[in-house]
Amino acid sequence: MTATAGNRLPLNVDEGSLIIAMRECVARSPQQLNNAFEADAELLDLGTAGLLAVTVDTLNGGAELATAITPYAKGWLTTTVSVSDLAAVAADPVAVLVSCSLRRDSWTLEDAREFGRGASEAAERYGCHVVGGDTNWANEESFTSCALGTVPRGSVLSRLGARPGDALYVTGPIGAGNAVGFRALALGGTGAGQPWLPEARVAASEALRRYARACIDTSDGLLNAAVSLAELNGLGAEVVLHDEVYAPIVSAVADSARLPRWCSAAAEWGEFELLYAIDPADAQPCARALSQRGLNPLRVGHLVAGSELLLIDESGQRQELRNLLTRMRALDPAGSLLADLRALLAEGS
């Protein structure tokens, strides 16, 4: 079974190897259009009924939920994480199923109501509903969502199809998820005001179907998404991050921690924007269409022939991405994150 274009693995090789091993013993559906890693959601051709997009995601307690500080925010995030995968294939959401593993000593009936309200209001925001799920007691908290959507026939968008010279755009400012997660775990605070409630960019679907060549969501951070998109297409990338591409919270957290802003693009608490590759000639028409849906597309680089993966950060410094992201992945979010990150930066200076 072919896993990726050119048999390339995603940056997290251990996880990718496990996925490939599992799939070796799984009978492939004759209706499935994508191979492993080629799309954020699985795409099934149902014949005259059209195309079905389906995806599932799990959020585990601890670091993965560091951006969700209330039961309402946990419910919102649980829905959003899977609907974002639908958005990345330009699917129209239809329904969400939610499975919860809860600690007996940690959840009240009011907490459950707030979780359900968050999950439901997120789904309504995306034009669908939570239609069911499962709940269990467990020693560790976790939340899983399965989202289903439809794709118009002839409008399949996946991670494949990009070409050398394509521009790279995101559907909005980046780094908020990493800033919120880092603030919670490394700086010992959650910030004032309302919880951070990221949005899946389903509003981008129509424009991206028409103009984009390839797409991936940034739930694992922008730089990881850019590397995946480039490698799956057998290309290199030059990611250029000027100050204006970052969400407002990034500056506040980076200045407080005395860290460069690009760190908020390198970790894995993503902001659920969509990173898309597009013919430069189509970039402005697409941007206008996205702006009409209330989105703020921003250019973050381009794809190149070859295999070089570069980051040009806000200071103009050039860094090789593979090594940088491998070192970032080795950091323990539950450990001495700030000290470890500063040590990593010192090694590279």
C-alpha atoms as a PDB file:
ATOM      1  CA  MET A   1       0.000   0.000   0.000  1.00  0.00           C
ATOM      2  CA  THR A   2       1.452   3.339  -0.999  1.00  0.00           C
ATOM      3  CA  ALA A   3       1.619   5.670   1.985  1.00  0.00           C
ATOM      4  CA  THR A   4       2.652   8.960   0.430  1.00  0.00           C
ATOM      5  CA  ALA A   5       3.946  10.425  -2.777  1.00  0.00           C
ATOM      6  CA  GLY A   6       7.454   9.030  -3.118  1.00  0.00           C
ATOM      7  CA  ASN A   7       6.889   6.865  -0.005  1.00  0.00           C
ATOM      8  CA  ARG A   8       7.791   9.805   2.221  1.00  0.00           C
ATOM      9  CA  LEU A   9       6.890   9.749   5.897  1.00  0.00           C
ATOM     10  CA  PRO A  10       5.561  12.707   7.861  1.00  0.00           C
ATOM     11  CA  LEU A  11       8.004  14.567  10.081  1.00  0.00           C
ATOM     12  CA  ASN A  12       6.994  12.492  13.118  1.00  0.00           C
ATOM     13  CA  VAL A  13       8.509   9.289  11.742  1.00  0.00           C
ATOM     14  CA  ASP A  14       7.608   7.119  14.747  1.00  0.00           C
ATOM     15  CA  GLU A  15       3.927   7.961  14.467  1.00  0.00           C
ATOM     16  CA  GLY A  16       3.992   7.605  10.689  1.00  0.00           C
ATOM     17  CA  SER A  17       5.618   4.180  10.906  1.00  0.00           C
ATOM     18  CA  LEU A  18       2.937   2.963  13.301  1.00  0.00           C
ATOM     19  CA  ILE A  19       0.176   4.211  11.017  1.00  0.00           C
ATOM     20  CA  ILE A  20       1.718   2.462   8.008  1.00  0.00           C
ATOM     21  CA  ALA A  21       2.109  -0.782   9.990  1.00  0.00           C
ATOM     22  CA  MET A  22      -1.553  -0.696  11.017  1.00  0.00           C
ATOM     23  CA  ARG A  23      -2.707  -0.008   7.479  1.00  0.00           C
ATOM     24  CA  GLU A  24      -0.711  -2.945   6.104  1.00  0.00           C
ATOM     25  CA  CYS A  25      -3.238  -5.253   7.789  1.00  0.00           C
ATOM     26  CA  VAL A  26      -6.353  -3.211   6.997  1.00  0.00           C
ATOM     27  CA  ALA A  27      -8.383  -4.024   3.893  1.00  0.00           C
ATOM     28  CA  ARG A  28      -8.647  -0.907   1.744  1.00  0.00           C
ATOM     29  CA  SER A  29     -12.111   0.290   0.789  1.00  0.00           C
ATOM     30  CA  PRO A  30     -12.623   0.389  -2.986  1.00  0.00           C
ATOM     31  CA  GLN A  31     -14.523   3.638  -2.386  1.00  0.00           C
ATOM     32  CA  GLN A  32     -11.600   5.447  -0.751  1.00  0.00           C
ATOM     33  CA  LEU A  33      -9.939   8.121  -2.878  1.00  0.00           C
ATOM     34  CA  ASN A  34      -6.914   9.034  -0.745  1.00  0.00           C
ATOM     35  CA  ASN A  35      -3.923   7.117   0.575  1.00  0.00           C
ATOM     36  CA  ALA A  36      -2.388   7.586   4.017  1.00  0.00           C
ATOM     37  CA  PHE A  37      -1.309  11.144   4.858  1.00  0.00           C
ATOM     38  CA  GLU A  38      -2.622  12.531   1.564  1.00  0.00           C
ATOM     39  CA  ALA A  39      -5.602  14.396   3.054  1.00  0.00           C
ATOM     40  CA  ASP A  40      -6.735  15.702   6.424  1.00  0.00           C
ATOM     41  CA  ALA A  41      -9.990  13.719   6.138  1.00  0.00           C
ATOM     42  CA  GLU A  42     -10.672  10.367   4.487  1.00  0.00           C
ATOM     43  CA  LEU A  43     -12.509  10.750   1.171  1.00  0.00           C
ATOM     44  CA  LEU A  44     -15.006   8.124   0.017  1.00  0.00           C
ATOM     45  CA  ASP A  45     -16.796   8.000  -3.330  1.00  0.00           C
ATOM     46  CA  LEU A  46     -20.392   6.941  -2.670  1.00  0.00           C
ATOM     47  CA  GLY A  47     -21.348   6.883  -6.335  1.00  0.00           C
ATOM     48  CA  THR A  48     -24.557   8.716  -7.124  1.00  0.00           C
ATOM     49  CA  ALA A  49     -24.751   9.867  -3.486  1.00  0.00           C
ATOM     50  CA  GLY A  50     -21.592  11.953  -3.996  1.00  0.00           C
ATOM     51  CA  LEU A  51     -18.403  12.154  -1.938  1.00  0.00           C
ATOM     52  CA  LEU A  52     -18.177  11.647   1.822  1.00  0.00           C
ATOM     53  CA  ALA A  53     -15.437  13.146   3.991  1.00  0.00           C
ATOM     54  CA  VAL A  54     -14.944  11.561   7.413  1.00  0.00           C
ATOM     55  CA  THR A  55     -12.324  12.115  10.112  1.00  0.00           C
ATOM     56  CA  VAL A  56     -11.656  11.346  13.769  1.00  0.00           C
ATOM     57  CA  ASP A  57      -9.429  13.062  16.351  1.00  0.00           C
ATOM     58  CA  THR A  58      -8.609  12.518  20.012  1.00  0.00           C
ATOM     59  CA  LEU A  59      -7.475  15.087  22.570  1.00  0.00           C
ATOM     60  CA  ASN A  60      -5.729  13.596  25.610  1.00  0.00           C
ATOM     61  CA  GLY A  61      -5.539  15.187  29.041  1.00  0.00           C
ATOM     62  CA  GLY A  62      -2.486  17.259  29.913  1.00  0.00           C
ATOM     63  CA  ALA A  63      -0.529  19.002  27.191  1.00  0.00           C
ATOM     64  CA  GLU A  64      -3.030  18.465  24.359  1.00  0.00           C
ATOM     65  CA  LEU A  65      -5.740  20.253  26.340  1.00  0.00           C
ATOM     66  CA  ALA A  66      -3.530  23.067  27.606  1.00  0.00           C
ATOM     67  CA  THR A  67      -5.380  25.560  25.406  1.00  0.00           C
ATOM     68  CA  ALA A  68      -8.811  24.582  26.773  1.00  0.00           C
ATOM     69  CA  ILE A  69      -9.180  25.788  30.357  1.00  0.00           C
ATOM     70  CA  THR A  70     -12.929  25.280  30.935  1.00  0.00           C
ATOM     71  CA  PRO A  71     -15.406  22.483  30.180  1.00  0.00           C
ATOM     72  CA  TYR A  72     -17.044  24.762  27.606  1.00  0.00           C
ATOM     73  CA  ALA A  73     -13.691  25.329  25.865  1.00  0.00           C
ATOM     74  CA  LYS A  74     -12.981  21.592  25.920  1.00  0.00           C
ATOM     75  CA  GLY A  75     -16.302  20.914  24.221  1.00  0.00           C
ATOM     76  CA  TRP A  76     -15.668  23.638  21.633  1.00  0.00           C
ATOM     77  CA  LEU A  77     -12.160  22.336  20.905  1.00  0.00           C
ATOM     78  CA  THR A  78     -13.340  18.720  20.648  1.00  0.00           C
ATOM     79  CA  THR A  79     -15.762  19.642  17.863  1.00  0.00           C
ATOM     80  CA  THR A  80     -13.368  22.046  16.175  1.00  0.00           C
ATOM     81  CA  VAL A  81     -10.414  19.676  15.921  1.00  0.00           C
ATOM     82  CA  SER A  82     -12.264  17.255  13.645  1.00  0.00           C
ATOM     83  CA  VAL A  83     -14.319  19.809  11.712  1.00  0.00           C
ATOM     84  CA  SER A  84     -11.035  21.550  10.855  1.00  0.00           C
ATOM     85  CA  ASP A  85     -10.004  18.387   9.000  1.00  0.00           C
ATOM     86  CA  LEU A  86     -13.212  18.645   6.975  1.00  0.00           C
ATOM     87  CA  ALA A  87     -12.382  22.264   6.193  1.00  0.00           C
ATOM     88  CA  ALA A  88      -8.958  21.228   4.889  1.00  0.00           C
ATOM     89  CA  VAL A  89     -10.603  19.077   2.213  1.00  0.00           C
ATOM     90  CA  ALA A  90     -13.206  21.805   1.529  1.00  0.00           C
ATOM     91  CA  ALA A  91     -16.027  19.591   2.794  1.00  0.00           C
ATOM     92  CA  ASP A  92     -19.377  20.880   4.016  1.00  0.00           C
ATOM     93  CA  PRO A  93     -19.880  19.594   7.595  1.00  0.00           C
ATOM     94  CA  VAL A  94     -22.951  17.410   8.184  1.00  0.00           C
ATOM     95  CA  ALA A  95     -22.599  15.929  11.682  1.00  0.00           C
ATOM     96  CA  VAL A  96     -20.228  15.366  14.592  1.00  0.00           C
ATOM     97  CA  LEU A  97     -20.039  12.457  17.043  1.00  0.00           C
ATOM     98  CA  VAL A  98     -18.302  13.002  20.386  1.00  0.00           C
ATOM     99  CA  SER A  99     -16.784  10.422  22.747  1.00  0.00           C
ATOM    100  CA  CYS A 100     -15.692  11.419  26.267  1.00  0.00           C
ATOM    101  CA  SER A 101     -13.479   9.610  28.779  1.00  0.00           C
ATOM    102  CA  LEU A 102     -13.921  11.374  32.115  1.00  0.00           C
ATOM    103  CA  ARG A 103     -12.495  11.101  35.614  1.00  0.00           C
ATOM    104  CA  ARG A 104     -15.198  10.405  38.223  1.00  0.00           C
ATOM    105  CA  ASP A 105     -13.608  12.757  40.732  1.00  0.00           C
ATOM    106  CA  SER A 106     -13.290  15.697  38.348  1.00  0.00           C
ATOM    107  CA  TRP A 107     -16.611  16.210  36.568  1.00  0.00           C
ATOM    108  CA  THR A 108     -19.897  17.597  37.850  1.00  0.00           C
ATOM    109  CA  LEU A 109     -23.243  17.718  36.086  1.00  0.00           C
ATOM    110  CA  GLU A 110     -22.705  21.422  35.453  1.00  0.00           C
ATOM    111  CA  ASP A 111     -19.302  20.660  33.885  1.00  0.00           C
ATOM    112  CA  ALA A 112     -21.018  18.128  31.601  1.00  0.00           C
ATOM    113  CA  ARG A 113     -23.646  20.669  30.592  1.00  0.00           C
ATOM    114  CA  GLU A 114     -20.973  23.233  29.780  1.00  0.00           C
ATOM    115  CA  PHE A 115     -18.977  20.701  27.750  1.00  0.00           C
ATOM    116  CA  GLY A 116     -22.079  19.794  25.766  1.00  0.00           C
ATOM    117  CA  ARG A 117     -22.930  23.442  25.227  1.00  0.00           C
ATOM    118  CA  GLY A 118     -19.419  24.162  23.937  1.00  0.00           C
ATOM    119  CA  ALA A 119     -19.422  21.177  21.582  1.00  0.00           C
ATOM    120  CA  SER A 120     -22.907  22.017  20.283  1.00  0.00           C
ATOM    121  CA  GLU A 121     -22.341  25.741  19.799  1.00  0.00           C
ATOM    122  CA  ALA A 122     -19.137  25.044  17.886  1.00  0.00           C
ATOM    123  CA  ALA A 123     -20.995  22.625  15.613  1.00  0.00           C
ATOM    124  CA  GLU A 124     -23.741  25.180  15.024  1.00  0.00           C
ATOM    125  CA  ARG A 125     -21.062  27.727  14.156  1.00  0.00           C
ATOM    126  CA  TYR A 126     -19.909  25.331  11.429  1.00  0.00           C
ATOM    127  CA  GLY A 127     -23.409  24.629  10.114  1.00  0.00           C
ATOM    128  CA  CYS A 128     -23.908  21.158  11.574  1.00  0.00           C
ATOM    129  CA  HIS A 129     -24.879  19.387  14.805  1.00  0.00           C
ATOM    130  CA  VAL A 130     -23.520  16.981  17.392  1.00  0.00           C
ATOM    131  CA  VAL A 131     -25.729  13.933  16.803  1.00  0.00           C
ATOM    132  CA  GLY A 132     -24.436  11.452  19.383  1.00  0.00           C
ATOM    133  CA  GLY A 133     -21.377   9.744  20.814  1.00  0.00           C
ATOM    134  CA  ASP A 134     -20.181   7.780  23.839  1.00  0.00           C
ATOM    135  CA  THR A 135     -19.140   8.498  27.440  1.00  0.00           C
ATOM    136  CA  ASN A 136     -16.949   6.435  29.769  1.00  0.00           C
ATOM    137  CA  TRP A 137     -15.122   6.721  33.085  1.00  0.00           C
ATOM    138  CA  ALA A 138     -11.323   6.565  32.847  1.00  0.00           C
ATOM    139  CA  ASN A 139      -8.159   7.344  34.762  1.00  0.00           C
ATOM    140  CA  GLU A 140      -7.182  10.017  32.232  1.00  0.00           C
ATOM    141  CA  GLU A 141      -9.397  12.578  30.588  1.00  0.00           C
ATOM    142  CA  SER A 142      -9.710  12.439  26.808  1.00  0.00           C
ATOM    143  CA  PHE A 143     -12.155  13.570  24.144  1.00  0.00           C
ATOM    144  CA  THR A 144     -12.674  12.160  20.660  1.00  0.00           C
ATOM    145  CA  SER A 145     -14.753  13.584  17.839  1.00  0.00           C
ATOM    146  CA  CYS A 146     -15.725  12.103  14.495  1.00  0.00           C
ATOM    147  CA  ALA A 147     -16.896  14.562  11.856  1.00  0.00           C
ATOM    148  CA  LEU A 148     -18.693  13.783   8.610  1.00  0.00           C
ATOM    149  CA  GLY A 149     -19.116  16.083   5.632  1.00  0.00           C
ATOM    150  CA  THR A 150     -19.887  16.108   1.942  1.00  0.00           C
ATOM    151  CA  VAL A 151     -17.745  17.221  -0.987  1.00  0.00           C
ATOM    152  CA  PRO A 152     -19.208  18.239  -4.357  1.00  0.00           C
ATOM    153  CA  ARG A 153     -18.208  15.794  -7.062  1.00  0.00           C
ATOM    154  CA  GLY A 154     -15.252  17.091  -9.041  1.00  0.00           C
ATOM    155  CA  SER A 155     -14.104  19.360  -6.213  1.00  0.00           C
ATOM    156  CA  VAL A 156     -11.703  17.108  -4.306  1.00  0.00           C
ATOM    157  CA  LEU A 157      -9.027  19.055  -2.407  1.00  0.00           C
ATOM    158  CA  SER A 158      -6.245  17.192  -0.630  1.00  0.00           C
ATOM    159  CA  ARG A 159      -2.643  17.693   0.414  1.00  0.00           C
ATOM    160  CA  LEU A 160      -1.481  16.638  -3.059  1.00  0.00           C
ATOM    161  CA  GLY A 161      -1.371  18.707  -6.240  1.00  0.00           C
ATOM    162  CA  ALA A 162       1.054  21.495  -5.345  1.00  0.00           C
ATOM    163  CA  ARG A 163       3.726  22.561  -7.847  1.00  0.00           C
ATOM    164  CA  PRO A 164       7.092  24.339  -7.676  1.00  0.00           C
ATOM    165  CA  GLY A 165       6.561  28.093  -7.520  1.00  0.00           C
ATOM    166  CA  ASP A 166       3.167  27.858  -5.816  1.00  0.00           C
ATOM    167  CA  ALA A 167       2.589  30.501  -3.183  1.00  0.00           C
ATOM    168  CA  LEU A 168       1.799  29.436   0.376  1.00  0.00           C
ATOM    169  CA  TYR A 169      -1.024  31.245   2.161  1.00  0.00           C
ATOM    170  CA  VAL A 170      -2.855  30.810   5.457  1.00  0.00           C
ATOM    171  CA  THR A 171      -6.494  31.752   5.961  1.00  0.00           C
ATOM    172  CA  GLY A 172      -5.690  33.960   8.957  1.00  0.00           C
ATOM    173  CA  PRO A 173      -3.106  34.971  11.596  1.00  0.00           C
ATOM    174  CA  ILE A 174      -1.025  32.171  13.093  1.00  0.00           C
ATOM    175  CA  GLY A 175       0.462  31.214  16.426  1.00  0.00           C
ATOM    176  CA  ALA A 176      -2.434  31.749  18.838  1.00  0.00           C
ATOM    177  CA  GLY A 177      -2.718  28.106  19.845  1.00  0.00           C
ATOM    178  CA  ASN A 178       0.972  27.791  20.622  1.00  0.00           C
ATOM    179  CA  ALA A 179       0.943  31.076  22.526  1.00  0.00           C
ATOM    180  CA  VAL A 180      -2.051  29.998  24.645  1.00  0.00           C
ATOM    181  CA  GLY A 181      -0.631  26.535  25.331  1.00  0.00           C
ATOM    182  CA  PHE A 182       2.815  27.898  26.148  1.00  0.00           C
ATOM    183  CA  ARG A 183       1.350  30.536  28.469  1.00  0.00           C
ATOM    184  CA  ALA A 184      -0.588  27.856  30.362  1.00  0.00           C
ATOM    185  CA  LEU A 185       2.222  25.306  30.751  1.00  0.00           C
ATOM    186  CA  ALA A 186       5.417  27.380  30.778  1.00  0.00           C
ATOM    187  CA  LEU A 187       4.361  30.744  32.167  1.00  0.00           C
ATOM    188  CA  GLY A 188       1.887  29.497  34.751  1.00  0.00           C
ATOM    189  CA  GLY A 189      -1.102  31.502  33.614  1.00  0.00           C
ATOM    190  CA  THR A 190      -4.219  31.282  31.487  1.00  0.00           C
ATOM    191  CA  GLY A 191      -4.646  34.980  30.836  1.00  0.00           C
ATOM    192  CA  ALA A 192      -7.578  37.215  31.622  1.00  0.00           C
ATOM    193  CA  GLY A 193     -10.959  37.182  29.945  1.00  0.00           C
ATOM    194  CA  GLN A 194     -12.713  34.478  27.960  1.00  0.00           C
ATOM    195  CA  PRO A 195     -11.122  31.122  27.025  1.00  0.00           C
ATOM    196  CA  TRP A 196      -9.456  30.838  23.633  1.00  0.00           C
ATOM    197  CA  LEU A 197     -11.971  29.374  21.174  1.00  0.00           C
ATOM    198  CA  PRO A 198     -10.313  28.578  17.829  1.00  0.00           C
ATOM    199  CA  GLU A 199     -12.431  28.263  14.689  1.00  0.00           C
ATOM    200  CA  ALA A 200     -12.362  25.664  11.945  1.00  0.00           C
ATOM    201  CA  ARG A 201     -12.243  27.555   8.644  1.00  0.00           C
ATOM    202  CA  VAL A 202     -15.213  25.970   6.928  1.00  0.00           C
ATOM    203  CA  ALA A 203     -16.022  29.404   5.507  1.00  0.00           C
ATOM    204  CA  ALA A 204     -13.016  28.987   3.189  1.00  0.00           C
ATOM    205  CA  SER A 205     -14.335  25.871   1.442  1.00  0.00           C
ATOM    206  CA  GLU A 206     -15.934  27.413  -1.633  1.00  0.00           C
ATOM    207  CA  ALA A 207     -12.955  29.633  -2.458  1.00  0.00           C
ATOM    208  CA  LEU A 208     -10.403  26.883  -1.873  1.00  0.00           C
ATOM    209  CA  ARG A 209     -12.311  24.410  -4.036  1.00  0.00           C
ATOM    210  CA  ARG A 210     -12.102  26.912  -6.860  1.00  0.00           C
ATOM    211  CA  TYR A 211      -8.521  28.141  -6.516  1.00  0.00           C
ATOM    212  CA  ALA A 212      -6.254  26.080  -4.234  1.00  0.00           C
ATOM    213  CA  ARG A 213      -4.067  23.242  -5.486  1.00  0.00           C
ATOM    214  CA  ALA A 214      -3.376  21.616  -2.116  1.00  0.00           C
ATOM    215  CA  CYS A 215      -4.372  22.252   1.488  1.00  0.00           C
ATOM    216  CA  ILE A 216      -3.671  21.171   5.069  1.00  0.00           C
ATOM    217  CA  ASP A 217      -4.837  22.538   8.401  1.00  0.00           C
ATOM    218  CA  THR A 218      -2.398  24.021  10.918  1.00  0.00           C
ATOM    219  CA  SER A 219      -3.596  22.064  13.961  1.00  0.00           C
ATOM    220  CA  ASP A 220      -0.009  20.847  14.490  1.00  0.00           C
ATOM    221  CA  GLY A 221       1.441  24.318  13.933  1.00  0.00           C
ATOM    222  CA  LEU A 222       2.213  26.204  10.743  1.00  0.00           C
ATOM    223  CA  LEU A 223       5.775  24.978  10.234  1.00  0.00           C
ATOM    224  CA  ASN A 224       4.846  21.315  10.637  1.00  0.00           C
ATOM    225  CA  ALA A 225       2.014  21.844   8.155  1.00  0.00           C
ATOM    226  CA  ALA A 226       4.340  23.500   5.631  1.00  0.00           C
ATOM    227  CA  VAL A 227       6.869  20.669   5.863  1.00  0.00           C
ATOM    228  CA  SER A 228       4.157  18.032   5.426  1.00  0.00           C
ATOM    229  CA  LEU A 229       2.648  19.813   2.423  1.00  0.00           C
ATOM    230  CA  ALA A 230       6.041  20.232   0.757  1.00  0.00           C
ATOM    231  CA  GLU A 231       7.292  16.698   1.346  1.00  0.00           C
ATOM    232  CA  LEU A 232       4.069  14.989   0.309  1.00  0.00           C
ATOM    233  CA  ASN A 233       4.370  16.771  -3.032  1.00  0.00           C
ATOM    234  CA  GLY A 234       8.075  15.975  -3.419  1.00  0.00           C
ATOM    235  CA  LEU A 235       8.992  19.650  -3.047  1.00  0.00           C
ATOM    236  CA  GLY A 236      10.896  22.027  -0.824  1.00  0.00           C
ATOM    237  CA  ALA A 237       9.568  25.142   0.861  1.00  0.00           C
ATOM    238  CA  GLU A 238      10.683  28.582   1.905  1.00  0.00           C
ATOM    239  CA  VAL A 239       8.504  29.814   4.771  1.00  0.00           C
ATOM    240  CA  VAL A 240       8.688  33.559   5.386  1.00  0.00           C
ATOM    241  CA  LEU A 241       7.194  34.813   8.649  1.00  0.00           C
ATOM    242  CA  HIS A 242       6.965  38.586   9.006  1.00  0.00           C
ATOM    243  CA  ASP A 243       5.531  40.169  12.147  1.00  0.00           C
ATOM    244  CA  GLU A 244       2.151  40.814  10.535  1.00  0.00           C
ATOM    245  CA  VAL A 245       1.338  37.108  10.083  1.00  0.00           C
ATOM    246  CA  TYR A 246       1.062  36.478  13.823  1.00  0.00           C
ATOM    247  CA  ALA A 247      -2.059  36.651  15.998  1.00  0.00           C
ATOM    248  CA  PRO A 248      -2.015  39.520  18.533  1.00  0.00           C
ATOM    249  CA  ILE A 249      -1.500  37.206  21.521  1.00  0.00           C
ATOM    250  CA  VAL A 250       1.795  35.978  20.046  1.00  0.00           C
ATOM    251  CA  SER A 251       3.591  39.273  20.611  1.00  0.00           C
ATOM    252  CA  ALA A 252       2.423  39.513  24.215  1.00  0.00           C
ATOM    253  CA  VAL A 253       3.533  35.979  25.107  1.00  0.00           C
ATOM    254  CA  ALA A 254       6.806  36.168  23.135  1.00  0.00           C
ATOM    255  CA  ASP A 255       7.762  39.466  24.768  1.00  0.00           C
ATOM    256  CA  SER A 256       6.854  38.180  28.235  1.00  0.00           C
ATOM    257  CA  ALA A 257       8.992  35.060  27.783  1.00  0.00           C
ATOM    258  CA  ARG A 258      11.744  36.864  25.820  1.00  0.00           C
ATOM    259  CA  LEU A 259      11.392  34.457  22.898  1.00  0.00           C
ATOM    260  CA  PRO A 260      11.278  35.001  19.125  1.00  0.00           C
ATOM    261  CA  ARG A 261       7.815  35.007  17.585  1.00  0.00           C
ATOM    262  CA  TRP A 262       8.617  32.154  15.216  1.00  0.00           C
ATOM    263  CA  CYS A 263       8.489  29.733  18.178  1.00  0.00           C
ATOM    264  CA  SER A 264       4.697  30.130  18.043  1.00  0.00           C
ATOM    265  CA  ALA A 265       4.731  28.642  14.552  1.00  0.00           C
ATOM    266  CA  ALA A 266       6.952  25.704  15.449  1.00  0.00           C
ATOM    267  CA  ALA A 267       5.162  23.893  18.279  1.00  0.00           C
ATOM    268  CA  GLU A 268       2.030  21.756  17.934  1.00  0.00           C
ATOM    269  CA  TRP A 269      -0.846  23.623  19.606  1.00  0.00           C
ATOM    270  CA  GLY A 270      -2.151  24.786  16.269  1.00  0.00           C
ATOM    271  CA  GLU A 271      -4.600  27.553  15.517  1.00  0.00           C
ATOM    272  CA  PHE A 272      -6.721  25.634  12.964  1.00  0.00           C
ATOM    273  CA  GLU A 273      -6.106  27.980  10.070  1.00  0.00           C
ATOM    274  CA  LEU A 274      -5.725  26.384   6.635  1.00  0.00           C
ATOM    275  CA  LEU A 275      -2.406  26.435   4.806  1.00  0.00           C
ATOM    276  CA  TYR A 276      -2.927  26.249   1.059  1.00  0.00           C
ATOM    277  CA  ALA A 277      -0.728  26.125  -2.025  1.00  0.00           C
ATOM    278  CA  ILE A 278      -1.905  28.201  -4.948  1.00  0.00           C
ATOM    279  CA  ASP A 279      -0.784  29.371  -8.378  1.00  0.00           C
ATOM    280  CA  PRO A 280       0.454  32.944  -7.787  1.00  0.00           C
ATOM    281  CA  ALA A 281      -1.841  34.094 -10.610  1.00  0.00           C
ATOM    282  CA  ASP A 282      -4.842  32.887  -8.591  1.00  0.00           C
ATOM    283  CA  ALA A 283      -3.689  34.222  -5.232  1.00  0.00           C
ATOM    284  CA  GLN A 284      -5.445  37.592  -5.347  1.00  0.00           C
ATOM    285  CA  PRO A 285      -8.803  36.332  -6.681  1.00  0.00           C
ATOM    286  CA  CYS A 286      -8.746  33.681  -3.951  1.00  0.00           C
ATOM    287  CA  ALA A 287      -7.825  36.256  -1.302  1.00  0.00           C
ATOM    288  CA  ARG A 288     -10.734  38.467  -2.371  1.00  0.00           C
ATOM    289  CA  ALA A 289     -13.130  35.530  -2.181  1.00  0.00           C
ATOM    290  CA  LEU A 290     -11.869  34.620   1.290  1.00  0.00           C
ATOM    291  CA  SER A 291     -12.087  38.234   2.451  1.00  0.00           C
ATOM    292  CA  GLN A 292     -15.742  38.279   1.422  1.00  0.00           C
ATOM    293  CA  ARG A 293     -16.262  35.419   3.904  1.00  0.00           C
ATOM    294  CA  GLY A 294     -14.629  37.393   6.710  1.00  0.00           C
ATOM    295  CA  LEU A 295     -11.203  35.743   6.467  1.00  0.00           C
ATOM    296  CA  ASN A 296      -7.803  37.447   6.337  1.00  0.00           C
ATOM    297  CA  PRO A 297      -5.488  35.416   4.072  1.00  0.00           C
ATOM    298  CA  LEU A 298      -1.761  36.010   4.550  1.00  0.00           C
ATOM    299  CA  ARG A 299       1.181  34.908   2.428  1.00  0.00           C
ATOM    300  CA  VAL A 300       3.748  32.834   4.333  1.00  0.00           C
ATOM    301  CA  GLY A 301       6.154  31.705   1.618  1.00  0.00           C
ATOM    302  CA  HIS A 302       6.320  29.482  -1.446  1.00  0.00           C
ATOM    303  CA  LEU A 303       7.156  25.982  -2.635  1.00  0.00           C
ATOM    304  CA  VAL A 304      10.332  25.208  -4.566  1.00  0.00           C
ATOM    305  CA  ALA A 305      11.759  22.389  -6.638  1.00  0.00           C
ATOM    306  CA  GLY A 306      14.129  20.188  -4.675  1.00  0.00           C
ATOM    307  CA  SER A 307      14.016  19.217  -1.021  1.00  0.00           C
ATOM    308  CA  GLU A 308      15.318  22.245   0.893  1.00  0.00           C
ATOM    309  CA  LEU A 309      13.031  23.366   3.719  1.00  0.00           C
ATOM    310  CA  LEU A 310      13.820  26.829   5.067  1.00  0.00           C
ATOM    311  CA  LEU A 311      12.363  29.247   7.582  1.00  0.00           C
ATOM    312  CA  ILE A 312      13.050  32.953   7.238  1.00  0.00           C
ATOM    313  CA  ASP A 313      11.913  34.413  10.548  1.00  0.00           C
ATOM    314  CA  GLU A 314      10.879  37.924  11.588  1.00  0.00           C
ATOM    315  CA  SER A 315      14.531  38.935  12.054  1.00  0.00           C
ATOM    316  CA  GLY A 316      15.513  37.723   8.586  1.00  0.00           C
ATOM    317  CA  GLN A 317      17.455  34.745   9.943  1.00  0.00           C
ATOM    318  CA  ARG A 318      17.389  31.606   7.793  1.00  0.00           C
ATOM    319  CA  GLN A 319      16.968  28.240   9.513  1.00  0.00           C
ATOM    320  CA  GLU A 320      16.771  24.676   8.211  1.00  0.00           C
ATOM    321  CA  LEU A 321      13.345  23.360   9.135  1.00  0.00           C
ATOM    322  CA  ARG A 322      13.812  19.599   9.403  1.00  0.00           C
ATOM    323  CA  ASN A 323      16.419  19.816  12.139  1.00  0.00           C
ATOM    324  CA  LEU A 324      14.638  22.668  13.883  1.00  0.00           C
ATOM    325  CA  LEU A 325      11.293  20.866  14.095  1.00  0.00           C
ATOM    326  CA  THR A 326      12.887  17.582  15.140  1.00  0.00           C
ATOM    327  CA  ARG A 327      14.521  19.382  18.055  1.00  0.00           C
ATOM    328  CA  MET A 328      11.265  21.146  18.920  1.00  0.00           C
ATOM    329  CA  ARG A 329       9.422  17.813  18.995  1.00  0.00           C
ATOM    330  CA  ALA A 330      11.929  16.500  21.546  1.00  0.00           C
ATOM    331  CA  LEU A 331      10.855  19.114  24.117  1.00  0.00           C
ATOM    332  CA  ASP A 332       8.552  17.846  26.862  1.00  0.00           C
ATOM    333  CA  PRO A 333       5.556  20.193  27.227  1.00  0.00           C
ATOM    334  CA  ALA A 334       5.034  18.926  30.763  1.00  0.00           C
ATOM    335  CA  GLY A 335       8.686  19.475  31.711  1.00  0.00           C
ATOM    336  CA  SER A 336      10.835  22.576  32.050  1.00  0.00           C
ATOM    337  CA  LEU A 337       9.488  23.932  28.795  1.00  0.00           C
ATOM    338  CA  LEU A 338      10.743  27.513  28.996  1.00  0.00           C
ATOM    339  CA  ALA A 339      14.258  26.563  30.114  1.00  0.00           C
ATOM    340  CA  ASP A 340      14.452  23.768  27.538  1.00  0.00           C
ATOM    341  CA  LEU A 341      13.300  26.064  24.760  1.00  0.00           C
ATOM    342  CA  ARG A 342      15.838  28.723  25.690  1.00  0.00           C
ATOM    343  CA  ALA A 343      18.569  26.068  25.692  1.00  0.00           C
ATOM    344  CA  LEU A 344      17.475  24.936  22.229  1.00  0.00           C
ATOM    345  CA  LEU A 345      17.611  28.504  20.942  1.00  0.00           C
ATOM    346  CA  ALA A 346      21.049  29.021  22.462  1.00  0.00           C
ATOM    347  CA  GLU A 347      22.359  25.913  20.681  1.00  0.00           C
ATOM    348  CA  GLY A 348      21.215  27.310  17.359  1.00  0.00           C
ATOM    349  CA  SER A 349      22.627  30.801  17.832  1.00  0.00           C
END
